[in-house]
């Protein structure tokens, strides 16, 4: 059975993960698509819940076997991607899929699913506020922070390729806006 897909993308630190968690708390019948990655697991993360953590070689093997719906080498030897089996697993349960993916991944998934997909881009109010949010996480050193901000500036140029753009200036307002567009999309029969 095929369902629908809801894609949330944003530059790192814009708030997409928090908004996706709120969408999962609502009764939309959504299930989170767990992405795969080759980066090390952070202290608060759980394999199979936050990501499927793989070695670089495991990830490359799955690329060769065409097991990814989309993938990208986001930084040198840091691969992220969506396993085809995740979408199939969720649809087999009769649920719709929600993605929390980077901007390129979001665009690629939208291209594959077309009208069966809603793509939402979460915008930071400004690059300066985004930098403050990333510093507040205490997960970035100066080099990685600079890399993330350069990448964010580039990613913001793709916002118009998404169905909806939501500025996350006030988290509660952004969550309400996201809820409204997701509800509307899921309520329409294709």
N, C-alpha and C. Protein backbone atom coordinates (compact mmCIF):
# COMPACT_ATOMS: atom_id res chain seq x y z
N UNK A 1 0.83 -1.19 0.00
CA UNK A 1 0.00 0.00 0.00
C UNK A 1 0.88 1.25 0.00
N UNK A 2 0.57 2.19 -0.87
CA UNK A 2 1.31 3.44 -0.88
C UNK A 2 0.58 4.48 -0.05
N UNK A 3 1.35 5.27 0.65
CA UNK A 3 0.78 6.34 1.43
C UNK A 3 1.31 7.67 0.93
N UNK A 4 1.38 8.63 1.83
CA UNK A 4 1.92 9.95 1.51
C UNK A 4 3.20 10.15 2.30
N UNK A 5 3.94 11.16 1.86
CA UNK A 5 5.16 11.52 2.58
C UNK A 5 5.16 13.02 2.87
N UNK A 6 5.63 13.36 4.08
CA UNK A 6 5.76 14.74 4.51
C UNK A 6 7.24 14.96 4.79
N UNK A 7 7.81 15.95 4.12
CA UNK A 7 9.25 16.19 4.17
C UNK A 7 9.51 17.52 4.87
N UNK A 8 10.31 17.49 5.92
CA UNK A 8 10.76 18.71 6.57
C UNK A 8 12.26 18.83 6.36
N UNK A 9 12.67 19.97 5.80
CA UNK A 9 14.09 20.25 5.59
C UNK A 9 14.39 21.65 6.09
N UNK A 10 15.67 21.87 6.40
CA UNK A 10 16.10 23.17 6.89
C UNK A 10 17.60 23.14 7.07
N UNK A 11 18.20 24.31 7.13
CA UNK A 11 19.60 24.34 7.55
C UNK A 11 19.70 23.84 9.00
N UNK A 12 20.84 23.27 9.34
CA UNK A 12 21.06 22.79 10.70
C UNK A 12 20.84 23.92 11.70
N UNK A 13 20.02 23.65 12.73
CA UNK A 13 19.77 24.64 13.77
C UNK A 13 18.52 25.49 13.58
N UNK A 14 17.81 25.27 12.46
CA UNK A 14 16.62 26.09 12.19
C UNK A 14 15.40 25.64 12.98
N UNK A 15 15.43 24.43 13.55
CA UNK A 15 14.33 23.96 14.38
C UNK A 15 13.48 22.86 13.77
N UNK A 16 13.91 22.29 12.65
CA UNK A 16 13.08 21.29 11.99
C UNK A 16 12.86 20.04 12.84
N UNK A 17 13.87 19.60 13.56
CA UNK A 17 13.72 18.38 14.36
C UNK A 17 12.70 18.58 15.47
N UNK A 18 12.71 19.73 16.11
CA UNK A 18 11.73 20.03 17.15
C UNK A 18 10.32 20.06 16.56
N UNK A 19 10.17 20.66 15.39
CA UNK A 19 8.85 20.73 14.74
C UNK A 19 8.39 19.35 14.30
N UNK A 20 9.28 18.54 13.77
CA UNK A 20 8.92 17.18 13.36
C UNK A 20 8.44 16.37 14.57
N UNK A 21 9.13 16.51 15.69
CA UNK A 21 8.71 15.79 16.92
C UNK A 21 7.30 16.20 17.32
N UNK A 22 6.97 17.49 17.17
CA UNK A 22 5.61 17.95 17.48
C UNK A 22 4.59 17.35 16.50
N UNK A 23 4.95 17.22 15.22
CA UNK A 23 4.04 16.62 14.23
C UNK A 23 3.76 15.16 14.60
N UNK A 24 4.77 14.48 15.12
CA UNK A 24 4.61 13.08 15.53
C UNK A 24 3.74 12.94 16.77
N UNK A 25 3.69 13.99 17.60
CA UNK A 25 2.84 13.96 18.80
C UNK A 25 1.36 14.19 18.48
N UNK A 26 1.09 14.66 17.27
CA UNK A 26 -0.30 14.91 16.88
C UNK A 26 -0.86 13.67 16.20
N UNK A 27 -2.15 13.60 16.09
CA UNK A 27 -2.78 12.39 15.57
C UNK A 27 -2.96 12.45 14.06
N UNK A 28 -1.83 12.55 13.36
CA UNK A 28 -1.84 12.60 11.90
C UNK A 28 -1.64 11.21 11.27
N UNK A 29 -1.30 10.21 12.06
CA UNK A 29 -0.99 8.89 11.50
C UNK A 29 0.35 8.87 10.80
N UNK A 30 1.28 9.67 11.31
CA UNK A 30 2.62 9.75 10.73
C UNK A 30 3.59 8.89 11.52
N UNK A 31 4.56 8.35 10.80
CA UNK A 31 5.67 7.65 11.46
C UNK A 31 6.97 8.20 10.91
N UNK A 32 7.93 8.36 11.79
CA UNK A 32 9.22 8.95 11.46
C UNK A 32 10.06 8.00 10.63
N UNK A 33 10.60 8.51 9.53
CA UNK A 33 11.57 7.76 8.73
C UNK A 33 12.95 7.99 9.33
N UNK A 34 13.53 6.93 9.84
CA UNK A 34 14.85 7.03 10.45
C UNK A 34 15.88 7.01 9.32
N UNK A 35 16.70 8.04 9.28
CA UNK A 35 17.75 8.14 8.27
C UNK A 35 18.96 7.32 8.68
N UNK A 36 19.79 7.03 7.70
CA UNK A 36 21.06 6.36 7.95
C UNK A 36 22.17 7.41 7.87
N UNK A 37 23.24 7.20 8.62
CA UNK A 37 24.38 8.12 8.52
C UNK A 37 25.67 7.39 8.87
N UNK A 38 26.77 8.00 8.43
CA UNK A 38 28.09 7.41 8.72
C UNK A 38 28.86 8.20 9.75
N UNK A 39 28.23 9.20 10.36
CA UNK A 39 28.93 9.98 11.39
C UNK A 39 28.86 9.25 12.73
N UNK A 40 29.75 9.59 13.65
CA UNK A 40 29.69 8.96 14.97
C UNK A 40 28.40 9.33 15.73
N UNK A 41 27.93 8.42 16.54
CA UNK A 41 26.75 8.65 17.36
C UNK A 41 27.09 9.64 18.47
N UNK A 42 26.18 10.60 18.70
CA UNK A 42 26.35 11.55 19.80
C UNK A 42 25.84 10.90 21.09
N UNK A 43 26.23 11.47 22.21
CA UNK A 43 25.94 10.88 23.53
C UNK A 43 24.46 10.59 23.76
N UNK A 44 23.57 11.48 23.30
CA UNK A 44 22.15 11.32 23.61
C UNK A 44 21.38 10.56 22.52
N UNK A 45 22.08 10.01 21.52
CA UNK A 45 21.41 9.36 20.39
C UNK A 45 21.32 7.85 20.57
N UNK A 46 20.31 7.27 19.89
CA UNK A 46 20.07 5.83 19.95
C UNK A 46 20.05 5.28 18.52
N UNK A 47 20.84 4.24 18.27
CA UNK A 47 20.87 3.61 16.95
C UNK A 47 19.50 3.00 16.65
N UNK A 48 18.99 3.27 15.44
CA UNK A 48 17.69 2.75 15.03
C UNK A 48 16.53 3.65 15.42
N UNK A 49 16.80 4.64 16.26
CA UNK A 49 15.76 5.60 16.65
C UNK A 49 16.08 6.97 16.08
N UNK A 50 17.29 7.47 16.36
CA UNK A 50 17.71 8.77 15.84
C UNK A 50 18.25 8.62 14.41
N UNK A 51 19.09 7.64 14.21
CA UNK A 51 19.65 7.29 12.91
C UNK A 51 19.98 5.81 12.92
N UNK A 52 20.19 5.25 11.73
CA UNK A 52 20.85 3.96 11.61
C UNK A 52 22.33 4.32 11.41
N UNK A 53 23.14 4.09 12.43
CA UNK A 53 24.55 4.45 12.35
C UNK A 53 25.32 3.34 11.65
N UNK A 54 26.10 3.70 10.64
CA UNK A 54 26.84 2.73 9.84
C UNK A 54 28.27 3.22 9.67
N UNK A 55 29.14 2.27 9.36
CA UNK A 55 30.50 2.67 8.99
C UNK A 55 30.45 3.24 7.57
N UNK A 56 31.50 3.92 7.18
CA UNK A 56 31.57 4.48 5.82
C UNK A 56 31.47 3.35 4.80
N UNK A 57 32.16 2.23 5.07
CA UNK A 57 32.12 1.09 4.14
C UNK A 57 30.72 0.48 4.02
N UNK A 58 30.03 0.34 5.16
CA UNK A 58 28.65 -0.18 5.12
C UNK A 58 27.76 0.74 4.29
N UNK A 59 27.91 2.04 4.50
CA UNK A 59 27.09 3.01 3.78
C UNK A 59 27.35 2.91 2.28
N UNK A 60 28.63 2.87 1.89
CA UNK A 60 28.99 2.79 0.47
C UNK A 60 28.48 1.49 -0.16
N UNK A 61 28.48 0.41 0.61
CA UNK A 61 27.96 -0.87 0.11
C UNK A 61 26.47 -0.76 -0.20
N UNK A 62 25.72 -0.10 0.67
CA UNK A 62 24.29 0.08 0.44
C UNK A 62 24.03 1.01 -0.76
N UNK A 63 24.90 1.99 -0.98
CA UNK A 63 24.79 2.86 -2.16
C UNK A 63 24.94 1.99 -3.41
N UNK A 64 25.97 1.15 -3.43
CA UNK A 64 26.22 0.28 -4.59
C UNK A 64 25.05 -0.65 -4.86
N UNK A 65 24.37 -1.09 -3.81
CA UNK A 65 23.23 -2.01 -3.95
C UNK A 65 21.92 -1.27 -4.20
N UNK A 66 21.97 0.06 -4.37
CA UNK A 66 20.79 0.90 -4.64
C UNK A 66 19.72 0.76 -3.55
N UNK A 67 20.16 0.70 -2.31
CA UNK A 67 19.24 0.55 -1.19
C UNK A 67 18.74 1.89 -0.64
N UNK A 68 19.26 2.99 -1.19
CA UNK A 68 18.85 4.31 -0.72
C UNK A 68 17.87 4.97 -1.67
N UNK A 69 16.87 5.60 -1.10
CA UNK A 69 15.94 6.45 -1.85
C UNK A 69 16.69 7.71 -2.28
N UNK A 70 17.48 8.23 -1.37
CA UNK A 70 18.35 9.38 -1.62
C UNK A 70 19.49 9.29 -0.62
N UNK A 71 20.62 9.86 -1.02
CA UNK A 71 21.76 9.93 -0.11
C UNK A 71 22.63 11.09 -0.54
N UNK A 72 23.48 11.53 0.39
CA UNK A 72 24.39 12.62 0.08
C UNK A 72 25.61 12.51 0.99
N UNK A 73 26.74 12.88 0.45
CA UNK A 73 27.95 13.04 1.28
C UNK A 73 27.93 14.51 1.72
N UNK A 74 27.37 14.74 2.90
CA UNK A 74 27.13 16.09 3.40
C UNK A 74 28.45 16.80 3.70
N UNK A 75 29.34 16.11 4.36
CA UNK A 75 30.70 16.57 4.60
C UNK A 75 31.61 15.40 4.24
N UNK A 76 32.90 15.65 4.10
CA UNK A 76 33.84 14.58 3.73
C UNK A 76 33.65 13.36 4.63
N UNK A 77 33.33 12.22 4.00
CA UNK A 77 33.11 10.93 4.68
C UNK A 77 31.97 10.95 5.70
N UNK A 78 31.08 11.94 5.61
CA UNK A 78 29.85 11.93 6.43
C UNK A 78 28.67 11.81 5.49
N UNK A 79 28.19 10.58 5.36
CA UNK A 79 27.08 10.27 4.48
C UNK A 79 25.78 10.23 5.26
N UNK A 80 24.72 10.74 4.63
CA UNK A 80 23.37 10.65 5.18
C UNK A 80 22.46 10.16 4.06
N UNK A 81 21.45 9.38 4.42
CA UNK A 81 20.54 8.93 3.39
C UNK A 81 19.29 8.30 3.96
N UNK A 82 18.35 8.04 3.04
CA UNK A 82 17.07 7.43 3.39
C UNK A 82 16.98 6.06 2.74
N UNK A 83 16.85 5.05 3.56
CA UNK A 83 16.73 3.69 3.05
C UNK A 83 15.34 3.47 2.45
N UNK A 84 15.29 2.88 1.27
CA UNK A 84 14.00 2.55 0.64
C UNK A 84 13.15 1.69 1.56
N UNK A 85 13.80 0.80 2.29
CA UNK A 85 13.10 -0.12 3.18
C UNK A 85 12.33 0.60 4.29
N UNK A 86 12.79 1.81 4.67
CA UNK A 86 12.08 2.58 5.71
C UNK A 86 10.69 3.00 5.24
N UNK A 87 10.60 3.53 4.02
CA UNK A 87 9.31 3.97 3.49
C UNK A 87 8.38 2.76 3.34
N UNK A 88 8.91 1.67 2.78
CA UNK A 88 8.10 0.45 2.61
C UNK A 88 7.60 -0.07 3.95
N UNK A 89 8.48 -0.05 4.97
CA UNK A 89 8.11 -0.54 6.31
C UNK A 89 6.95 0.28 6.89
N UNK A 90 7.03 1.59 6.75
CA UNK A 90 6.00 2.47 7.33
C UNK A 90 4.69 2.36 6.56
N UNK A 91 4.76 2.37 5.23
CA UNK A 91 3.55 2.24 4.42
C UNK A 91 2.86 0.90 4.65
N UNK A 92 3.64 -0.15 4.88
CA UNK A 92 3.05 -1.48 5.14
C UNK A 92 2.22 -1.48 6.42
N UNK A 93 2.52 -0.55 7.33
CA UNK A 93 1.75 -0.42 8.58
C UNK A 93 0.52 0.46 8.38
N UNK A 94 0.32 0.98 7.16
CA UNK A 94 -0.83 1.84 6.88
C UNK A 94 -0.66 3.27 7.37
N UNK A 95 0.60 3.67 7.59
CA UNK A 95 0.87 5.03 8.06
C UNK A 95 1.52 5.85 6.95
N UNK A 96 1.50 7.17 7.12
CA UNK A 96 2.22 8.06 6.23
C UNK A 96 3.58 8.35 6.84
N UNK A 97 4.53 8.72 5.99
CA UNK A 97 5.93 8.89 6.39
C UNK A 97 6.24 10.37 6.61
N UNK A 98 6.96 10.67 7.68
CA UNK A 98 7.48 12.02 7.88
C UNK A 98 9.00 11.95 7.89
N UNK A 99 9.60 12.85 7.13
CA UNK A 99 11.06 12.93 7.01
C UNK A 99 11.59 14.18 7.67
N UNK A 100 12.74 14.05 8.31
CA UNK A 100 13.55 15.15 8.83
C UNK A 100 14.88 15.00 8.11
N UNK A 101 15.02 15.69 6.96
CA UNK A 101 16.19 15.48 6.12
C UNK A 101 16.83 16.81 5.72
N UNK A 102 18.07 16.72 5.27
CA UNK A 102 18.75 17.93 4.80
C UNK A 102 18.08 18.43 3.52
N UNK A 103 18.45 19.60 3.09
CA UNK A 103 17.77 20.28 1.99
C UNK A 103 17.86 19.50 0.68
N UNK A 104 19.04 19.02 0.33
CA UNK A 104 19.18 18.27 -0.92
C UNK A 104 18.36 16.99 -0.87
N UNK A 105 18.37 16.30 0.27
CA UNK A 105 17.56 15.10 0.43
C UNK A 105 16.08 15.39 0.28
N UNK A 106 15.63 16.50 0.86
CA UNK A 106 14.23 16.89 0.76
C UNK A 106 13.81 17.13 -0.68
N UNK A 107 14.65 17.83 -1.43
CA UNK A 107 14.35 18.09 -2.85
C UNK A 107 14.29 16.78 -3.62
N UNK A 108 15.23 15.89 -3.36
CA UNK A 108 15.27 14.61 -4.08
C UNK A 108 14.05 13.74 -3.77
N UNK A 109 13.64 13.68 -2.52
CA UNK A 109 12.46 12.88 -2.15
C UNK A 109 11.21 13.47 -2.79
N UNK A 110 11.08 14.79 -2.80
CA UNK A 110 9.93 15.45 -3.43
C UNK A 110 9.87 15.08 -4.91
N UNK A 111 11.01 15.06 -5.59
CA UNK A 111 11.04 14.71 -7.02
C UNK A 111 10.53 13.29 -7.24
N UNK A 112 10.87 12.39 -6.35
CA UNK A 112 10.46 10.99 -6.50
C UNK A 112 8.96 10.82 -6.29
N UNK A 113 8.41 11.46 -5.25
CA UNK A 113 7.01 11.22 -4.88
C UNK A 113 6.03 12.26 -5.42
N UNK A 114 6.50 13.38 -5.93
CA UNK A 114 5.63 14.36 -6.57
C UNK A 114 4.45 14.78 -5.71
N UNK A 115 3.24 14.59 -6.23
CA UNK A 115 2.02 15.02 -5.53
C UNK A 115 1.72 14.21 -4.27
N UNK A 116 2.38 13.08 -4.10
CA UNK A 116 2.18 12.28 -2.89
C UNK A 116 3.05 12.81 -1.74
N UNK A 117 3.80 13.89 -2.03
CA UNK A 117 4.72 14.45 -1.04
C UNK A 117 4.42 15.92 -0.78
N UNK A 118 4.53 16.31 0.48
CA UNK A 118 4.48 17.71 0.89
C UNK A 118 5.88 18.05 1.39
N UNK A 119 6.50 19.07 0.78
CA UNK A 119 7.84 19.47 1.24
C UNK A 119 7.75 20.82 1.94
N UNK A 120 8.29 20.85 3.17
CA UNK A 120 8.23 22.03 4.02
C UNK A 120 9.66 22.45 4.37
N UNK A 121 9.96 23.71 4.12
CA UNK A 121 11.27 24.26 4.42
C UNK A 121 11.15 25.16 5.64
N UNK A 122 11.91 24.84 6.69
CA UNK A 122 11.91 25.65 7.91
C UNK A 122 13.06 26.65 7.81
N UNK A 123 12.69 27.94 7.85
CA UNK A 123 13.66 29.02 7.70
C UNK A 123 14.04 29.59 9.07
N UNK A 124 15.32 29.85 9.29
CA UNK A 124 15.68 30.61 10.48
C UNK A 124 15.33 32.08 10.25
N UNK A 125 15.07 32.84 11.31
CA UNK A 125 14.76 34.27 11.14
C UNK A 125 15.91 35.03 10.48
N UNK A 126 17.16 34.60 10.75
CA UNK A 126 18.35 35.22 10.16
C UNK A 126 19.54 34.29 10.36
N UNK A 127 20.59 34.54 9.61
CA UNK A 127 21.83 33.76 9.78
C UNK A 127 22.43 34.01 11.17
N UNK A 128 22.31 35.24 11.66
CA UNK A 128 22.86 35.58 12.98
C UNK A 128 22.17 34.78 14.09
N UNK A 129 20.85 34.67 14.01
CA UNK A 129 20.10 33.90 15.01
C UNK A 129 20.44 32.42 14.88
N UNK A 130 20.59 31.94 13.64
CA UNK A 130 20.98 30.55 13.42
C UNK A 130 22.34 30.27 14.07
N UNK A 131 23.28 31.19 13.92
CA UNK A 131 24.61 31.02 14.53
C UNK A 131 24.49 30.93 16.05
N UNK A 132 23.64 31.78 16.65
CA UNK A 132 23.44 31.74 18.10
C UNK A 132 22.85 30.41 18.53
N UNK A 133 21.87 29.89 17.76
CA UNK A 133 21.26 28.60 18.10
C UNK A 133 22.28 27.48 18.04
N UNK A 134 23.11 27.48 17.00
CA UNK A 134 24.13 26.44 16.87
C UNK A 134 25.15 26.52 17.99
N UNK A 135 25.56 27.73 18.36
CA UNK A 135 26.50 27.90 19.48
C UNK A 135 25.87 27.41 20.78
N UNK A 136 24.58 27.65 20.93
CA UNK A 136 23.87 27.24 22.13
C UNK A 136 23.78 25.74 22.32
N UNK A 137 23.91 24.98 21.24
CA UNK A 137 23.89 23.52 21.33
C UNK A 137 25.13 22.97 22.00
N UNK A 138 26.23 23.70 21.91
CA UNK A 138 27.54 23.26 22.42
C UNK A 138 28.00 21.96 21.79
N UNK A 139 27.63 21.73 20.53
CA UNK A 139 28.09 20.53 19.82
C UNK A 139 29.06 20.89 18.70
N UNK A 140 29.30 22.19 18.52
CA UNK A 140 30.12 22.65 17.40
C UNK A 140 31.38 23.35 17.90
N UNK A 141 32.53 23.02 17.28
CA UNK A 141 33.70 23.85 17.51
C UNK A 141 33.67 24.97 16.47
N UNK A 142 34.62 25.89 16.53
CA UNK A 142 34.59 27.04 15.61
C UNK A 142 34.66 26.62 14.14
N UNK A 143 35.45 25.61 13.82
CA UNK A 143 35.60 25.16 12.43
C UNK A 143 34.29 24.56 11.93
N UNK A 144 33.69 23.66 12.71
CA UNK A 144 32.44 23.04 12.26
C UNK A 144 31.29 24.05 12.23
N UNK A 145 31.30 25.01 13.15
CA UNK A 145 30.28 26.06 13.15
C UNK A 145 30.37 26.88 11.86
N UNK A 146 31.59 27.25 11.50
CA UNK A 146 31.79 28.03 10.27
C UNK A 146 31.30 27.23 9.06
N UNK A 147 31.63 25.92 9.01
CA UNK A 147 31.18 25.06 7.91
C UNK A 147 29.66 24.99 7.84
N UNK A 148 29.02 24.82 9.00
CA UNK A 148 27.55 24.73 9.03
C UNK A 148 26.90 26.04 8.57
N UNK A 149 27.46 27.16 8.97
CA UNK A 149 26.88 28.45 8.57
C UNK A 149 27.06 28.70 7.08
N UNK A 150 28.20 28.32 6.53
CA UNK A 150 28.40 28.45 5.08
C UNK A 150 27.41 27.57 4.33
N UNK A 151 27.23 26.36 4.82
CA UNK A 151 26.28 25.43 4.21
C UNK A 151 24.85 25.98 4.33
N UNK A 152 24.53 26.55 5.49
CA UNK A 152 23.18 27.09 5.70
C UNK A 152 22.87 28.20 4.71
N UNK A 153 23.84 29.09 4.47
CA UNK A 153 23.64 30.17 3.50
C UNK A 153 23.33 29.59 2.13
N UNK A 154 24.03 28.56 1.75
CA UNK A 154 23.79 27.89 0.46
C UNK A 154 22.40 27.24 0.45
N UNK A 155 22.06 26.53 1.53
CA UNK A 155 20.78 25.82 1.59
C UNK A 155 19.59 26.77 1.52
N UNK A 156 19.72 27.95 2.10
CA UNK A 156 18.63 28.93 2.07
C UNK A 156 18.25 29.32 0.64
N UNK A 157 19.18 29.19 -0.28
CA UNK A 157 18.90 29.55 -1.67
C UNK A 157 17.95 28.55 -2.34
N UNK A 158 17.69 27.41 -1.71
CA UNK A 158 16.80 26.39 -2.27
C UNK A 158 15.39 26.43 -1.68
N UNK A 159 15.11 27.37 -0.79
CA UNK A 159 13.82 27.41 -0.10
C UNK A 159 12.64 27.42 -1.07
N UNK A 160 12.77 28.13 -2.20
CA UNK A 160 11.66 28.24 -3.16
C UNK A 160 11.32 26.92 -3.86
N UNK A 161 12.20 25.93 -3.75
CA UNK A 161 11.92 24.63 -4.37
C UNK A 161 11.00 23.77 -3.51
N UNK A 162 10.64 24.26 -2.33
CA UNK A 162 9.76 23.54 -1.42
C UNK A 162 8.34 24.06 -1.55
N UNK A 163 7.37 23.19 -1.25
CA UNK A 163 5.95 23.57 -1.36
C UNK A 163 5.59 24.70 -0.41
N UNK A 164 6.17 24.67 0.79
CA UNK A 164 5.83 25.64 1.84
C UNK A 164 7.12 26.06 2.54
N UNK A 165 7.20 27.36 2.88
CA UNK A 165 8.30 27.86 3.70
C UNK A 165 7.70 28.44 4.98
N UNK A 166 8.27 28.03 6.11
CA UNK A 166 7.82 28.53 7.41
C UNK A 166 9.02 29.12 8.13
N UNK A 167 8.89 30.39 8.55
CA UNK A 167 9.96 31.03 9.31
C UNK A 167 9.78 30.68 10.79
N UNK A 168 10.82 30.09 11.36
CA UNK A 168 10.78 29.71 12.77
C UNK A 168 11.38 30.83 13.62
N UNK A 169 10.58 31.89 13.77
CA UNK A 169 10.97 33.02 14.61
C UNK A 169 10.41 32.80 16.02
N UNK A 170 9.19 32.26 16.07
CA UNK A 170 8.51 31.91 17.31
C UNK A 170 8.12 30.43 17.16
N UNK A 171 8.70 29.57 17.97
CA UNK A 171 8.52 28.13 17.80
C UNK A 171 7.04 27.71 17.82
N UNK A 172 6.26 28.24 18.76
CA UNK A 172 4.84 27.85 18.84
C UNK A 172 4.07 28.23 17.58
N UNK A 173 4.36 29.40 17.04
CA UNK A 173 3.71 29.84 15.81
C UNK A 173 4.13 28.94 14.65
N UNK A 174 5.41 28.61 14.58
CA UNK A 174 5.92 27.74 13.51
C UNK A 174 5.27 26.35 13.60
N UNK A 175 5.11 25.83 14.80
CA UNK A 175 4.46 24.53 14.99
C UNK A 175 3.01 24.59 14.54
N UNK A 176 2.30 25.66 14.90
CA UNK A 176 0.91 25.82 14.47
C UNK A 176 0.80 25.89 12.95
N UNK A 177 1.69 26.63 12.31
CA UNK A 177 1.68 26.73 10.84
C UNK A 177 1.96 25.37 10.21
N UNK A 178 2.95 24.67 10.74
CA UNK A 178 3.30 23.34 10.22
C UNK A 178 2.12 22.38 10.39
N UNK A 179 1.49 22.40 11.55
CA UNK A 179 0.34 21.53 11.80
C UNK A 179 -0.77 21.77 10.80
N UNK A 180 -1.04 23.04 10.51
CA UNK A 180 -2.11 23.39 9.57
C UNK A 180 -1.82 22.87 8.17
N UNK A 181 -0.58 23.05 7.68
CA UNK A 181 -0.29 22.59 6.32
C UNK A 181 -0.23 21.06 6.23
N UNK A 182 0.27 20.41 7.26
CA UNK A 182 0.31 18.94 7.27
C UNK A 182 -1.11 18.38 7.33
N UNK A 183 -1.95 18.92 8.20
CA UNK A 183 -3.34 18.47 8.29
C UNK A 183 -4.06 18.62 6.95
N UNK A 184 -3.89 19.77 6.32
CA UNK A 184 -4.54 20.04 5.05
C UNK A 184 -4.07 19.05 3.98
N UNK A 185 -2.77 18.81 3.90
CA UNK A 185 -2.20 17.89 2.91
C UNK A 185 -2.71 16.46 3.13
N UNK A 186 -2.69 16.00 4.36
CA UNK A 186 -3.09 14.62 4.64
C UNK A 186 -4.59 14.41 4.49
N UNK A 187 -5.37 15.48 4.58
CA UNK A 187 -6.83 15.38 4.48
C UNK A 187 -7.31 15.24 3.04
N UNK A 188 -6.47 15.60 2.08
CA UNK A 188 -6.85 15.54 0.66
C UNK A 188 -6.55 14.16 0.10
N UNK A 189 -7.52 13.56 -0.57
CA UNK A 189 -7.29 12.27 -1.21
C UNK A 189 -6.66 12.46 -2.58
N UNK A 190 -5.60 11.72 -2.85
CA UNK A 190 -4.96 11.77 -4.18
C UNK A 190 -5.55 10.74 -5.09
